[in-house]
């Protein structure tokens, strides 16, 4: 995966589902269309939850980095 430059970050370390999604939804509303959000999470569920949330909300899922309990997920605001 090529390096993605995030415009903003969101620390969700230690939070379990659904809180990373809830916090992502709030943070993405503060951003402009086209900007990229990097979400840091320890919840393995984010690997499946975030792409599903992006499909449901019309935002672009750019991918995930990491394994073993630490993940960086990238989302571009489209809606």
N, C-alpha and C. Protein backbone atom coordinates (compact mmCIF):
# COMPACT_ATOMS: atom_id res chain seq x y z
N UNK A 1 0.85 -1.18 0.00
CA UNK A 1 0.00 0.00 0.00
C UNK A 1 0.89 1.24 0.00
N UNK A 2 0.62 2.15 -0.91
CA UNK A 2 1.42 3.36 -0.94
C UNK A 2 1.06 4.24 0.25
N UNK A 3 1.99 5.10 0.61
CA UNK A 3 1.77 5.96 1.78
C UNK A 3 0.66 6.96 1.49
N UNK A 4 -0.26 7.05 2.41
CA UNK A 4 -1.39 7.97 2.28
C UNK A 4 -1.16 9.13 3.24
N UNK A 5 -1.31 10.35 2.73
CA UNK A 5 -1.16 11.53 3.57
C UNK A 5 -2.52 11.90 4.14
N UNK A 6 -2.61 11.84 5.45
CA UNK A 6 -3.88 12.19 6.12
C UNK A 6 -3.93 13.68 6.41
N UNK A 7 -5.12 14.24 6.31
CA UNK A 7 -5.34 15.64 6.66
C UNK A 7 -5.66 15.79 8.14
N UNK A 8 -6.13 14.72 8.76
CA UNK A 8 -6.48 14.74 10.19
C UNK A 8 -6.35 13.32 10.73
N UNK A 9 -6.19 13.23 12.04
CA UNK A 9 -6.09 11.94 12.69
C UNK A 9 -7.11 11.81 13.80
N UNK A 10 -7.44 10.56 14.12
CA UNK A 10 -8.38 10.26 15.19
C UNK A 10 -7.85 9.07 15.97
N UNK A 11 -7.61 9.26 17.26
CA UNK A 11 -7.06 8.21 18.11
C UNK A 11 -8.21 7.46 18.80
N UNK A 12 -8.38 6.20 18.41
CA UNK A 12 -9.41 5.35 19.00
C UNK A 12 -8.78 4.16 19.73
N UNK A 13 -7.52 4.29 20.13
CA UNK A 13 -6.85 3.20 20.84
C UNK A 13 -7.62 2.86 22.11
N UNK A 14 -7.84 1.57 22.33
CA UNK A 14 -8.51 1.08 23.52
C UNK A 14 -10.03 1.08 23.44
N UNK A 15 -10.59 1.65 22.38
CA UNK A 15 -12.04 1.69 22.23
C UNK A 15 -12.53 0.47 21.45
N UNK A 16 -13.65 -0.07 21.89
CA UNK A 16 -14.24 -1.23 21.23
C UNK A 16 -15.47 -0.81 20.44
N UNK A 17 -15.85 -1.65 19.49
CA UNK A 17 -17.03 -1.43 18.66
C UNK A 17 -18.25 -1.15 19.55
N UNK A 18 -19.01 -0.14 19.24
CA UNK A 18 -19.04 0.65 18.01
C UNK A 18 -18.32 1.99 18.12
N UNK A 19 -17.58 2.25 19.19
CA UNK A 19 -17.03 3.58 19.42
C UNK A 19 -16.08 4.10 18.33
N UNK A 20 -15.19 3.28 17.75
CA UNK A 20 -14.38 3.83 16.66
C UNK A 20 -15.22 4.35 15.49
N UNK A 21 -16.32 3.67 15.19
CA UNK A 21 -17.19 4.12 14.10
C UNK A 21 -17.95 5.38 14.52
N UNK A 22 -18.43 5.41 15.74
CA UNK A 22 -19.16 6.58 16.25
C UNK A 22 -18.26 7.82 16.22
N UNK A 23 -17.04 7.68 16.69
CA UNK A 23 -16.10 8.80 16.72
C UNK A 23 -15.67 9.20 15.31
N UNK A 24 -15.52 8.22 14.41
CA UNK A 24 -15.19 8.52 13.02
C UNK A 24 -16.30 9.32 12.37
N UNK A 25 -17.54 8.92 12.60
CA UNK A 25 -18.69 9.63 12.03
C UNK A 25 -18.72 11.09 12.47
N UNK A 26 -18.42 11.34 13.73
CA UNK A 26 -18.41 12.71 14.24
C UNK A 26 -17.25 13.51 13.65
N UNK A 27 -16.08 12.90 13.59
CA UNK A 27 -14.88 13.60 13.11
C UNK A 27 -14.98 13.91 11.62
N UNK A 28 -15.48 12.99 10.82
CA UNK A 28 -15.54 13.19 9.37
C UNK A 28 -16.47 14.35 9.02
N UNK A 29 -17.47 14.61 9.86
CA UNK A 29 -18.38 15.74 9.63
C UNK A 29 -17.67 17.08 9.78
N UNK A 30 -16.57 17.10 10.53
CA UNK A 30 -15.79 18.33 10.73
C UNK A 30 -14.85 18.61 9.56
N UNK A 31 -14.68 17.63 8.69
CA UNK A 31 -13.71 17.74 7.60
C UNK A 31 -14.38 18.17 6.30
N UNK A 32 -13.55 18.64 5.37
CA UNK A 32 -14.05 19.06 4.07
C UNK A 32 -14.05 17.87 3.11
N UNK A 33 -14.94 17.93 2.11
CA UNK A 33 -14.98 16.90 1.09
C UNK A 33 -13.61 16.81 0.42
N UNK A 34 -13.13 15.58 0.27
CA UNK A 34 -11.83 15.35 -0.35
C UNK A 34 -10.70 15.14 0.66
N UNK A 35 -10.91 15.54 1.90
CA UNK A 35 -9.87 15.35 2.91
C UNK A 35 -9.85 13.91 3.39
N UNK A 36 -8.65 13.49 3.89
CA UNK A 36 -8.43 12.12 4.33
C UNK A 36 -8.27 12.08 5.85
N UNK A 37 -8.95 11.13 6.47
CA UNK A 37 -8.88 10.90 7.91
C UNK A 37 -8.13 9.61 8.18
N UNK A 38 -7.18 9.66 9.10
CA UNK A 38 -6.47 8.47 9.57
C UNK A 38 -7.02 8.11 10.94
N UNK A 39 -7.56 6.90 11.08
CA UNK A 39 -8.11 6.43 12.35
C UNK A 39 -7.17 5.38 12.92
N UNK A 40 -6.68 5.62 14.15
CA UNK A 40 -5.82 4.68 14.85
C UNK A 40 -6.69 3.86 15.79
N UNK A 41 -6.58 2.53 15.70
CA UNK A 41 -7.46 1.68 16.50
C UNK A 41 -6.75 0.40 16.93
N UNK A 42 -7.18 -0.12 18.07
CA UNK A 42 -6.72 -1.42 18.55
C UNK A 42 -7.82 -2.47 18.39
N UNK A 43 -8.97 -2.07 17.90
CA UNK A 43 -10.11 -2.98 17.73
C UNK A 43 -10.03 -3.67 16.37
N UNK A 44 -9.80 -4.97 16.36
CA UNK A 44 -9.68 -5.73 15.11
C UNK A 44 -10.95 -5.64 14.27
N UNK A 45 -12.08 -5.41 14.90
CA UNK A 45 -13.34 -5.28 14.18
C UNK A 45 -13.37 -4.15 13.18
N UNK A 46 -12.47 -3.18 13.36
CA UNK A 46 -12.44 -2.04 12.45
C UNK A 46 -12.11 -2.46 11.02
N UNK A 47 -11.42 -3.59 10.88
CA UNK A 47 -11.04 -4.08 9.55
C UNK A 47 -12.27 -4.34 8.69
N UNK A 48 -13.32 -4.86 9.28
CA UNK A 48 -14.56 -5.11 8.54
C UNK A 48 -15.58 -3.98 8.71
N UNK A 49 -15.59 -3.37 9.89
CA UNK A 49 -16.60 -2.35 10.18
C UNK A 49 -16.41 -1.07 9.36
N UNK A 50 -15.17 -0.63 9.19
CA UNK A 50 -14.95 0.65 8.52
C UNK A 50 -15.30 0.61 7.03
N UNK A 51 -14.93 -0.44 6.28
CA UNK A 51 -15.38 -0.48 4.88
C UNK A 51 -16.91 -0.50 4.76
N UNK A 52 -17.57 -1.21 5.66
CA UNK A 52 -19.04 -1.27 5.64
C UNK A 52 -19.63 0.10 5.94
N UNK A 53 -19.05 0.80 6.91
CA UNK A 53 -19.53 2.15 7.26
C UNK A 53 -19.34 3.09 6.08
N UNK A 54 -18.19 3.00 5.42
CA UNK A 54 -17.93 3.87 4.26
C UNK A 54 -18.95 3.62 3.14
N UNK A 55 -19.24 2.35 2.87
CA UNK A 55 -20.25 2.03 1.84
C UNK A 55 -21.61 2.61 2.23
N UNK A 56 -21.96 2.53 3.50
CA UNK A 56 -23.27 2.99 3.97
C UNK A 56 -23.38 4.52 3.97
N UNK A 57 -22.26 5.21 4.12
CA UNK A 57 -22.30 6.67 4.25
C UNK A 57 -21.82 7.40 3.01
N UNK A 58 -21.31 6.68 2.02
CA UNK A 58 -20.87 7.33 0.79
C UNK A 58 -19.48 7.91 0.87
N UNK A 59 -18.69 7.50 1.86
CA UNK A 59 -17.30 7.93 1.95
C UNK A 59 -16.40 6.86 1.35
N UNK A 60 -15.16 7.23 1.04
CA UNK A 60 -14.25 6.30 0.36
C UNK A 60 -13.30 5.64 1.35
N UNK A 61 -13.35 4.33 1.40
CA UNK A 61 -12.42 3.54 2.21
C UNK A 61 -11.14 3.39 1.41
N UNK A 62 -10.02 3.88 1.95
CA UNK A 62 -8.75 3.86 1.24
C UNK A 62 -7.86 2.69 1.63
N UNK A 63 -8.15 2.06 2.76
CA UNK A 63 -7.38 0.90 3.16
C UNK A 63 -6.98 0.92 4.61
N UNK A 64 -6.28 -0.16 5.00
CA UNK A 64 -5.84 -0.33 6.38
C UNK A 64 -4.38 -0.76 6.38
N UNK A 65 -3.64 -0.28 7.37
CA UNK A 65 -2.26 -0.69 7.60
C UNK A 65 -2.21 -1.26 9.01
N UNK A 66 -1.28 -2.20 9.22
CA UNK A 66 -1.06 -2.71 10.56
C UNK A 66 -1.63 -4.08 10.77
N UNK A 67 -1.24 -4.65 11.89
CA UNK A 67 -1.71 -5.97 12.29
C UNK A 67 -1.34 -6.16 13.75
N UNK A 68 -1.77 -7.27 14.33
CA UNK A 68 -1.37 -7.57 15.69
C UNK A 68 -1.90 -6.62 16.73
N UNK A 69 -3.06 -6.02 16.45
CA UNK A 69 -3.69 -5.19 17.46
C UNK A 69 -3.54 -3.69 17.32
N UNK A 70 -2.79 -3.23 16.31
CA UNK A 70 -2.68 -1.80 16.05
C UNK A 70 -2.94 -1.56 14.57
N UNK A 71 -3.96 -0.75 14.29
CA UNK A 71 -4.39 -0.55 12.91
C UNK A 71 -4.50 0.94 12.61
N UNK A 72 -4.18 1.29 11.36
CA UNK A 72 -4.41 2.63 10.82
C UNK A 72 -5.34 2.45 9.64
N UNK A 73 -6.49 3.09 9.72
CA UNK A 73 -7.49 3.01 8.66
C UNK A 73 -7.62 4.39 8.03
N UNK A 74 -7.73 4.43 6.70
CA UNK A 74 -7.79 5.70 5.97
C UNK A 74 -9.12 5.82 5.24
N UNK A 75 -9.74 7.00 5.40
CA UNK A 75 -11.04 7.29 4.81
C UNK A 75 -10.98 8.65 4.16
N UNK A 76 -11.53 8.77 2.95
CA UNK A 76 -11.65 10.08 2.30
C UNK A 76 -13.11 10.51 2.37
N UNK A 77 -13.32 11.72 2.82
CA UNK A 77 -14.70 12.24 2.89
C UNK A 77 -15.18 12.56 1.48
N UNK A 78 -16.29 11.96 1.12
CA UNK A 78 -16.92 12.22 -0.17
C UNK A 78 -18.32 12.79 -0.01
N UNK A 79 -18.92 12.54 1.14
CA UNK A 79 -20.31 12.96 1.34
C UNK A 79 -20.40 13.94 2.50
